[in-house]
Amino acid sequence: MIYSENIDKICAYCRHAEPTAPDAERTQCALYKKEVGKTDPACGKYIYDIFKRPVRRKKRLKTDFSAKDFKL
């Protein structure tokens, strides 16, 4: 889960990681000024950033209701 204690500690989720390109396999480390892989194990300076996780959007419900169905 998002707030659990057993989060994957990889460089892609670190606060110091900066993307080099939208779909690149590597990121730029702001602390060490070097390129690292997204799935590399994190270093001792790792700080988890929840906003770097990919988001799964909710599915839209497929219903046949209209505004008329809810009028009294």
Protein backbone atom coordinates (compact mmCIF):
# COMPACT_ATOMS: atom_id res chain seq x y z
CA MET A 1 0.00 0.00 0.00
CA ILE A 2 0.98 3.63 -0.27
CA TYR A 3 1.61 4.27 3.43
CA SER A 4 2.92 0.85 4.45
CA GLU A 5 6.35 0.27 5.94
CA ASN A 6 7.48 -2.12 3.20
CA ILE A 7 7.73 0.31 0.26
CA ASP A 8 10.13 -0.57 -2.54
CA LYS A 9 13.18 1.61 -1.89
CA ILE A 10 14.26 2.35 -5.44
CA CYS A 11 15.72 5.51 -6.91
CA ALA A 12 12.61 6.28 -8.99
CA TYR A 13 10.58 7.05 -5.83
CA CYS A 14 13.23 9.20 -4.13
CA ARG A 15 12.69 12.92 -3.56
CA HIS A 16 16.14 13.65 -5.03
CA ALA A 17 15.50 11.84 -8.34
CA GLU A 18 14.83 14.00 -11.40
CA PRO A 19 13.60 12.43 -14.65
CA THR A 20 15.92 12.76 -17.64
CA ALA A 21 13.16 12.08 -20.19
CA PRO A 22 9.47 11.07 -19.85
CA ASP A 23 9.98 7.38 -20.69
CA ALA A 24 13.68 7.02 -19.93
CA GLU A 25 15.05 4.07 -17.95
CA ARG A 26 17.42 6.34 -16.03
CA THR A 27 17.03 9.28 -13.65
CA GLN A 28 19.34 12.05 -12.50
CA CYS A 29 20.27 12.10 -8.81
CA ALA A 30 20.25 15.70 -7.54
CA LEU A 31 22.49 14.89 -4.57
CA TYR A 32 25.30 13.04 -6.30
CA LYS A 33 24.93 14.73 -9.72
CA LYS A 34 25.02 11.43 -11.59
CA GLU A 35 22.67 9.29 -13.65
CA VAL A 36 21.21 6.20 -11.96
CA GLY A 37 18.76 3.53 -13.06
CA LYS A 38 15.14 3.82 -11.98
CA THR A 39 15.17 0.37 -10.41
CA ASP A 40 18.55 0.70 -8.69
CA PRO A 41 18.42 0.17 -4.92
CA ALA A 42 18.28 3.44 -3.02
CA CYS A 43 21.23 4.94 -1.16
CA GLY A 44 21.37 6.08 2.46
CA LYS A 45 19.99 9.53 1.57
CA TYR A 46 16.69 8.05 0.29
CA ILE A 47 13.56 10.06 1.12
CA TYR A 48 10.28 8.61 -0.13
CA ASP A 49 8.18 10.89 -2.34
CA ILE A 50 4.59 9.66 -2.74
CA PHE A 51 3.98 11.90 -5.78
CA LYS A 52 6.52 10.01 -7.91
CA ARG A 53 4.44 6.83 -7.87
CA PRO A 54 2.41 6.07 -11.02
CA VAL A 55 -1.30 6.75 -10.60
CA ARG A 56 -4.03 4.35 -11.59
CA ARG A 57 -7.23 6.21 -12.42
CA LYS A 58 -10.66 4.92 -11.43
CA LYS A 59 -12.73 3.25 -14.09
CA ARG A 60 -15.86 5.10 -15.15
CA LEU A 61 -19.07 3.35 -14.24
CA LYS A 62 -21.12 2.28 -17.21
CA THR A 63 -24.74 2.87 -16.24
CA ASP A 64 -27.93 3.59 -18.12
CA PHE A 65 -29.17 6.23 -15.64
CA SER A 66 -30.15 9.71 -16.73
CA ALA A 67 -31.08 12.89 -14.86
CA LYS A 68 -34.76 11.96 -15.30
CA ASP A 69 -34.27 8.84 -13.15
CA PHE A 70 -33.37 10.97 -10.11
CA LYS A 71 -36.25 13.47 -10.25
CA LEU A 72 -39.02 13.20 -7.68
